């Protein structure tokens, strides 16, 4: 190979290396541009993901709250309907108690009624219905309904002296208040 050919070859080689270096520079610049464009895109999608996660958490919390509220409302409605049914049943129960009292006063055998009344009392107890003890207690407007007052200095003001009609509670709530006569000072 002649000197001139060697120089040409060297020049071609240098040109080729320069072309390769330029290609590498262009490739690096393209990659840097791509990366520069990619980072804001990644950041944007991270923000969107974060927003979606927050919305999902809020939606889940709302659903759980709704489910709890619905359960509470259902329980309250069932209790309300049960109490209404029991209140109607109490009227029948008291009729049986009055019939037994009348038969006993007339000295008639009331053993059959005793068994029925006992079953009725078990049904009331199973549904957590309890009579309100009123006589001698302090008047409580949540549990008692005053139908009259009696002047009596021997008792504290607001003491219940007589029960006119029995009251009943269900789970600490009066389904029918006791009708009572209350004492007052002269």
C-alpha atoms as a PDB file:
ATOM      1  CA  UNK A   1       0.000   0.000   0.000  1.00  0.00           C
ATOM      2  CA  UNK A   2       1.269   3.335  -0.986  1.00  0.00           C
ATOM      3  CA  UNK A   3       1.646   6.269   1.293  1.00  0.00           C
ATOM      4  CA  UNK A   4      -1.265   7.981  -0.304  1.00  0.00           C
ATOM      5  CA  UNK A   5      -3.504   4.975   0.080  1.00  0.00           C
ATOM      6  CA  UNK A   6      -2.502   4.729   3.708  1.00  0.00           C
ATOM      7  CA  UNK A   7      -3.400   8.361   4.254  1.00  0.00           C
ATOM      8  CA  UNK A   8      -6.728   7.855   2.516  1.00  0.00           C
ATOM      9  CA  UNK A   9      -7.385   4.806   4.644  1.00  0.00           C
ATOM     10  CA  UNK A  10      -6.431   6.680   7.790  1.00  0.00           C
ATOM     11  CA  UNK A  11      -8.658   9.597   6.749  1.00  0.00           C
ATOM     12  CA  UNK A  12     -11.534   7.250   6.017  1.00  0.00           C
ATOM     13  CA  UNK A  13     -10.978   5.575   9.348  1.00  0.00           C
ATOM     14  CA  UNK A  14     -10.902   8.942  11.126  1.00  0.00           C
ATOM     15  CA  UNK A  15     -13.990  10.039   9.185  1.00  0.00           C
ATOM     16  CA  UNK A  16     -15.691   6.830  10.130  1.00  0.00           C
ATOM     17  CA  UNK A  17     -14.702   7.289  13.786  1.00  0.00           C
ATOM     18  CA  UNK A  18     -15.935  10.877  13.609  1.00  0.00           C
ATOM     19  CA  UNK A  19     -19.175   9.628  12.089  1.00  0.00           C
ATOM     20  CA  UNK A  20     -19.435   7.015  14.859  1.00  0.00           C
ATOM     21  CA  UNK A  21     -18.674   9.617  17.490  1.00  0.00           C
ATOM     22  CA  UNK A  22     -21.284  11.921  15.963  1.00  0.00           C
ATOM     23  CA  UNK A  23     -23.769   9.073  15.862  1.00  0.00           C
ATOM     24  CA  UNK A  24     -23.021   8.312  19.507  1.00  0.00           C
ATOM     25  CA  UNK A  25     -23.423  11.980  20.380  1.00  0.00           C
ATOM     26  CA  UNK A  26     -26.738  12.106  18.522  1.00  0.00           C
ATOM     27  CA  UNK A  27     -27.852   8.856  20.160  1.00  0.00           C
ATOM     28  CA  UNK A  28     -26.895  10.164  23.607  1.00  0.00           C
ATOM     29  CA  UNK A  29     -28.672  13.441  22.910  1.00  0.00           C
ATOM     30  CA  UNK A  30     -31.793  11.587  21.738  1.00  0.00           C
ATOM     31  CA  UNK A  31     -31.704   9.406  24.843  1.00  0.00           C
ATOM     32  CA  UNK A  32     -31.280  12.463  27.036  1.00  0.00           C
ATOM     33  CA  UNK A  33     -34.189  14.199  25.272  1.00  0.00           C
ATOM     34  CA  UNK A  34     -36.289  11.042  25.645  1.00  0.00           C
ATOM     35  CA  UNK A  35     -35.381  10.823  29.332  1.00  0.00           C
ATOM     36  CA  UNK A  36     -36.105  14.516  29.803  1.00  0.00           C
ATOM     37  CA  UNK A  37     -39.526  14.015  28.238  1.00  0.00           C
ATOM     38  CA  UNK A  38     -40.096  10.746  30.074  1.00  0.00           C
ATOM     39  CA  UNK A  39     -39.533  12.096  33.615  1.00  0.00           C
ATOM     40  CA  UNK A  40     -42.350  14.670  33.440  1.00  0.00           C
ATOM     41  CA  UNK A  41     -44.604  11.969  31.987  1.00  0.00           C
ATOM     42  CA  UNK A  42     -43.700   9.601  34.833  1.00  0.00           C
ATOM     43  CA  UNK A  43     -44.305  12.378  37.353  1.00  0.00           C
ATOM     44  CA  UNK A  44     -47.675  13.171  35.773  1.00  0.00           C
ATOM     45  CA  UNK A  45     -48.764   9.526  35.896  1.00  0.00           C
ATOM     46  CA  UNK A  46     -47.587   9.189  39.500  1.00  0.00           C
ATOM     47  CA  UNK A  47     -49.788  12.157  40.410  1.00  0.00           C
ATOM     48  CA  UNK A  48     -52.733  10.620  38.538  1.00  0.00           C
ATOM     49  CA  UNK A  49     -52.148   7.314  40.343  1.00  0.00           C
ATOM     50  CA  UNK A  50     -51.992   9.092  43.694  1.00  0.00           C
ATOM     51  CA  UNK A  51     -55.243  10.941  42.912  1.00  0.00           C
ATOM     52  CA  UNK A  52     -56.929   7.680  41.899  1.00  0.00           C
ATOM     53  CA  UNK A  53     -55.733   5.960  45.087  1.00  0.00           C
ATOM     54  CA  UNK A  54     -57.121   8.829  47.204  1.00  0.00           C
ATOM     55  CA  UNK A  55     -60.448   8.669  45.369  1.00  0.00           C
ATOM     56  CA  UNK A  56     -60.560   4.904  45.844  1.00  0.00           C
ATOM     57  CA  UNK A  57     -59.855   5.250  49.576  1.00  0.00           C
ATOM     58  CA  UNK A  58     -62.580   7.897  49.929  1.00  0.00           C
ATOM     59  CA  UNK A  59     -65.030   5.752  47.975  1.00  0.00           C
ATOM     60  CA  UNK A  60     -64.211   2.741  50.154  1.00  0.00           C
ATOM     61  CA  UNK A  61     -64.659   4.803  53.333  1.00  0.00           C
ATOM     62  CA  UNK A  62     -67.968   6.180  52.017  1.00  0.00           C
ATOM     63  CA  UNK A  63     -69.133   2.652  51.215  1.00  0.00           C
ATOM     64  CA  UNK A  64     -68.169   1.383  54.680  1.00  0.00           C
ATOM     65  CA  UNK A  65     -69.958   4.315  56.331  1.00  0.00           C
ATOM     66  CA  UNK A  66     -73.034   3.695  54.195  1.00  0.00           C
ATOM     67  CA  UNK A  67     -72.992   0.016  55.089  1.00  0.00           C
ATOM     68  CA  UNK A  68     -72.736   0.806  58.824  1.00  0.00           C
ATOM     69  CA  UNK A  69     -75.510   3.411  58.576  1.00  0.00           C
ATOM     70  CA  UNK A  70     -77.759   0.970  56.716  1.00  0.00           C
ATOM     71  CA  UNK A  71     -77.111  -1.751  59.309  1.00  0.00           C
ATOM     72  CA  UNK A  72     -77.966   0.680  62.108  1.00  0.00           C
ATOM     73  CA  UNK A  73     -81.121   1.861  60.332  1.00  0.00           C
ATOM     74  CA  UNK A  74     -82.225  -1.725  59.690  1.00  0.00           C
ATOM     75  CA  UNK A  75     -81.662  -2.657  63.331  1.00  0.00           C
ATOM     76  CA  UNK A  76     -83.584   0.424  64.486  1.00  0.00           C
ATOM     77  CA  UNK A  77     -86.494  -0.342  62.148  1.00  0.00           C
ATOM     78  CA  UNK A  78     -86.641  -3.975  63.260  1.00  0.00           C
ATOM     79  CA  UNK A  79     -86.562  -2.895  66.908  1.00  0.00           C
ATOM     80  CA  UNK A  80     -89.239  -0.257  66.252  1.00  0.00           C
ATOM     81  CA  UNK A  81     -91.545  -2.762  64.533  1.00  0.00           C
ATOM     82  CA  UNK A  82     -90.901  -5.379  67.225  1.00  0.00           C
ATOM     83  CA  UNK A  83     -91.689  -2.832  69.939  1.00  0.00           C
ATOM     84  CA  UNK A  84     -94.896  -1.817  68.161  1.00  0.00           C
ATOM     85  CA  UNK A  85     -95.952  -5.454  67.903  1.00  0.00           C
ATOM     86  CA  UNK A  86     -95.062  -6.050  71.554  1.00  0.00           C
ATOM     87  CA  UNK A  87     -96.994  -2.949  72.574  1.00  0.00           C
ATOM     88  CA  UNK A  88    -100.091  -4.383  70.887  1.00  0.00           C
ATOM     89  CA  UNK A  89     -99.369  -7.728  72.553  1.00  0.00           C
ATOM     90  CA  UNK A  90     -99.097  -6.057  75.976  1.00  0.00           C
ATOM     91  CA  UNK A  91    -102.711  -4.906  75.662  1.00  0.00           C
ATOM     92  CA  UNK A  92    -103.817  -8.514  75.172  1.00  0.00           C
ATOM     93  CA  UNK A  93    -101.532  -9.682  77.997  1.00  0.00           C
ATOM     94  CA  UNK A  94    -103.067  -7.150  80.390  1.00  0.00           C
ATOM     95  CA  UNK A  95    -106.569  -8.274  79.364  1.00  0.00           C
ATOM     96  CA  UNK A  96    -105.630 -11.822  80.393  1.00  0.00           C
ATOM     97  CA  UNK A  97    -104.231 -10.566  83.729  1.00  0.00           C
ATOM     98  CA  UNK A  98    -107.468  -8.633  84.392  1.00  0.00           C
ATOM     99  CA  UNK A  99    -109.535 -11.712  83.455  1.00  0.00           C
ATOM    100  CA  UNK A 100    -107.504 -13.838  85.881  1.00  0.00           C
ATOM    101  CA  UNK A 101    -107.966 -11.257  88.643  1.00  0.00           C
ATOM    102  CA  UNK A 102    -111.733 -11.197  88.028  1.00  0.00           C
ATOM    103  CA  UNK A 103    -111.957 -14.996  88.036  1.00  0.00           C
ATOM    104  CA  UNK A 104    -109.867 -15.228  91.201  1.00  0.00           C
ATOM    105  CA  UNK A 105    -112.088 -12.633  92.931  1.00  0.00           C
ATOM    106  CA  UNK A 106    -115.127 -14.729  91.970  1.00  0.00           C
ATOM    107  CA  UNK A 107    -113.319 -17.822  93.300  1.00  0.00           C
ATOM    108  CA  UNK A 108    -113.289 -19.511  89.892  1.00  0.00           C
ATOM    109  CA  UNK A 109    -110.454 -21.844  88.894  1.00  0.00           C
ATOM    110  CA  UNK A 110    -107.989 -19.863  86.741  1.00  0.00           C
ATOM    111  CA  UNK A 111    -105.183 -22.426  86.323  1.00  0.00           C
ATOM    112  CA  UNK A 112    -105.539 -22.403  82.515  1.00  0.00           C
ATOM    113  CA  UNK A 113    -105.104 -18.641  82.455  1.00  0.00           C
ATOM    114  CA  UNK A 114    -102.045 -18.914  84.704  1.00  0.00           C
ATOM    115  CA  UNK A 115    -100.286 -21.077  82.100  1.00  0.00           C
ATOM    116  CA  UNK A 116    -101.235 -18.699  79.276  1.00  0.00           C
ATOM    117  CA  UNK A 117    -100.074 -15.647  81.241  1.00  0.00           C
ATOM    118  CA  UNK A 118     -96.796 -17.382  82.081  1.00  0.00           C
ATOM    119  CA  UNK A 119     -96.200 -18.092  78.354  1.00  0.00           C
ATOM    120  CA  UNK A 120     -97.015 -14.475  77.535  1.00  0.00           C
ATOM    121  CA  UNK A 121     -94.545 -13.249  80.168  1.00  0.00           C
ATOM    122  CA  UNK A 122     -91.858 -15.535  78.664  1.00  0.00           C
ATOM    123  CA  UNK A 123     -92.535 -14.046  75.233  1.00  0.00           C
ATOM    124  CA  UNK A 124     -92.187 -10.525  76.623  1.00  0.00           C
ATOM    125  CA  UNK A 125     -88.963 -11.496  78.388  1.00  0.00           C
ATOM    126  CA  UNK A 126     -87.512 -13.097  75.233  1.00  0.00           C
ATOM    127  CA  UNK A 127     -88.083  -9.807  73.422  1.00  0.00           C
ATOM    128  CA  UNK A 128     -86.440  -7.844  76.262  1.00  0.00           C
ATOM    129  CA  UNK A 129     -89.708  -6.200  77.299  1.00  0.00           C
ATOM    130  CA  UNK A 130     -89.766  -5.478  81.017  1.00  0.00           C
ATOM    131  CA  UNK A 131     -92.313  -3.755  83.239  1.00  0.00           C
ATOM    132  CA  UNK A 132     -91.282  -0.431  84.748  1.00  0.00           C
ATOM    133  CA  UNK A 133     -91.154  -0.405  88.543  1.00  0.00           C
ATOM    134  CA  UNK A 134     -92.668   2.937  89.452  1.00  0.00           C
ATOM    135  CA  UNK A 135     -94.106   3.032  92.984  1.00  0.00           C
ATOM    136  CA  UNK A 136     -91.725   4.766  95.397  1.00  0.00           C
ATOM    137  CA  UNK A 137     -89.406   5.867  92.584  1.00  0.00           C
ATOM    138  CA  UNK A 138     -88.651   9.466  91.623  1.00  0.00           C
ATOM    139  CA  UNK A 139     -90.671  10.706  88.663  1.00  0.00           C
ATOM    140  CA  UNK A 140     -88.733  10.383  85.381  1.00  0.00           C
ATOM    141  CA  UNK A 141     -90.499  11.894  82.346  1.00  0.00           C
ATOM    142  CA  UNK A 142     -88.756   9.371  80.065  1.00  0.00           C
ATOM    143  CA  UNK A 143     -90.379   6.465  81.924  1.00  0.00           C
ATOM    144  CA  UNK A 144     -93.470   7.927  83.573  1.00  0.00           C
ATOM    145  CA  UNK A 145     -96.515   9.947  82.633  1.00  0.00           C
ATOM    146  CA  UNK A 146     -98.028  11.927  85.495  1.00  0.00           C
ATOM    147  CA  UNK A 147    -101.813  11.773  85.433  1.00  0.00           C
ATOM    148  CA  UNK A 148    -102.331  13.442  88.799  1.00  0.00           C
ATOM    149  CA  UNK A 149    -100.559  14.860  91.831  1.00  0.00           C
ATOM    150  CA  UNK A 150    -101.136  14.295  95.540  1.00  0.00           C
ATOM    151  CA  UNK A 151    -100.039  16.628  98.337  1.00  0.00           C
ATOM    152  CA  UNK A 152     -97.950  14.637 100.801  1.00  0.00           C
ATOM    153  CA  UNK A 153     -95.364  16.216 103.121  1.00  0.00           C
ATOM    154  CA  UNK A 154     -94.078  12.810 104.251  1.00  0.00           C
ATOM    155  CA  UNK A 155     -92.642  12.078 100.764  1.00  0.00           C
ATOM    156  CA  UNK A 156     -90.029  13.881  98.696  1.00  0.00           C
ATOM    157  CA  UNK A 157     -91.293  16.090  95.884  1.00  0.00           C
ATOM    158  CA  UNK A 158     -91.792  14.033  92.701  1.00  0.00           C
ATOM    159  CA  UNK A 159     -92.082  10.620  94.370  1.00  0.00           C
ATOM    160  CA  UNK A 160     -94.519   8.263  92.674  1.00  0.00           C
ATOM    161  CA  UNK A 161     -97.288   7.278  95.092  1.00  0.00           C
ATOM    162  CA  UNK A 162     -99.516   5.162  92.853  1.00  0.00           C
ATOM    163  CA  UNK A 163     -99.357   3.472  89.481  1.00  0.00           C
ATOM    164  CA  UNK A 164    -102.545   3.856  87.418  1.00  0.00           C
ATOM    165  CA  UNK A 165    -101.290   1.868  84.393  1.00  0.00           C
ATOM    166  CA  UNK A 166     -98.173  -0.297  84.081  1.00  0.00           C
ATOM    167  CA  UNK A 167     -95.408   0.917  81.793  1.00  0.00           C
ATOM    168  CA  UNK A 168     -92.899  -1.169  79.813  1.00  0.00           C
ATOM    169  CA  UNK A 169     -89.341  -0.671  78.573  1.00  0.00           C
ATOM    170  CA  UNK A 170     -87.416  -2.298  75.766  1.00  0.00           C
ATOM    171  CA  UNK A 171     -83.622  -1.916  75.725  1.00  0.00           C
ATOM    172  CA  UNK A 172     -83.766   1.048  78.143  1.00  0.00           C
ATOM    173  CA  UNK A 173     -86.385   2.845  76.036  1.00  0.00           C
ATOM    174  CA  UNK A 174     -89.954   3.224  77.248  1.00  0.00           C
ATOM    175  CA  UNK A 175     -92.349   1.723  74.742  1.00  0.00           C
ATOM    176  CA  UNK A 176     -95.219   2.674  77.027  1.00  0.00           C
ATOM    177  CA  UNK A 177     -94.661   4.995  79.991  1.00  0.00           C
ATOM    178  CA  UNK A 178     -96.196   4.171  83.359  1.00  0.00           C
ATOM    179  CA  UNK A 179     -99.203   6.338  84.179  1.00  0.00           C
ATOM    180  CA  UNK A 180     -98.614   7.506  87.723  1.00  0.00           C
ATOM    181  CA  UNK A 181     -99.732   9.783  90.516  1.00  0.00           C
ATOM    182  CA  UNK A 182     -96.897  11.937  91.855  1.00  0.00           C
ATOM    183  CA  UNK A 183     -96.457  13.540  95.287  1.00  0.00           C
ATOM    184  CA  UNK A 184     -95.856  17.230  95.844  1.00  0.00           C
ATOM    185  CA  UNK A 185     -95.219  19.288  98.943  1.00  0.00           C
ATOM    186  CA  UNK A 186     -98.007  21.479 100.405  1.00  0.00           C
END
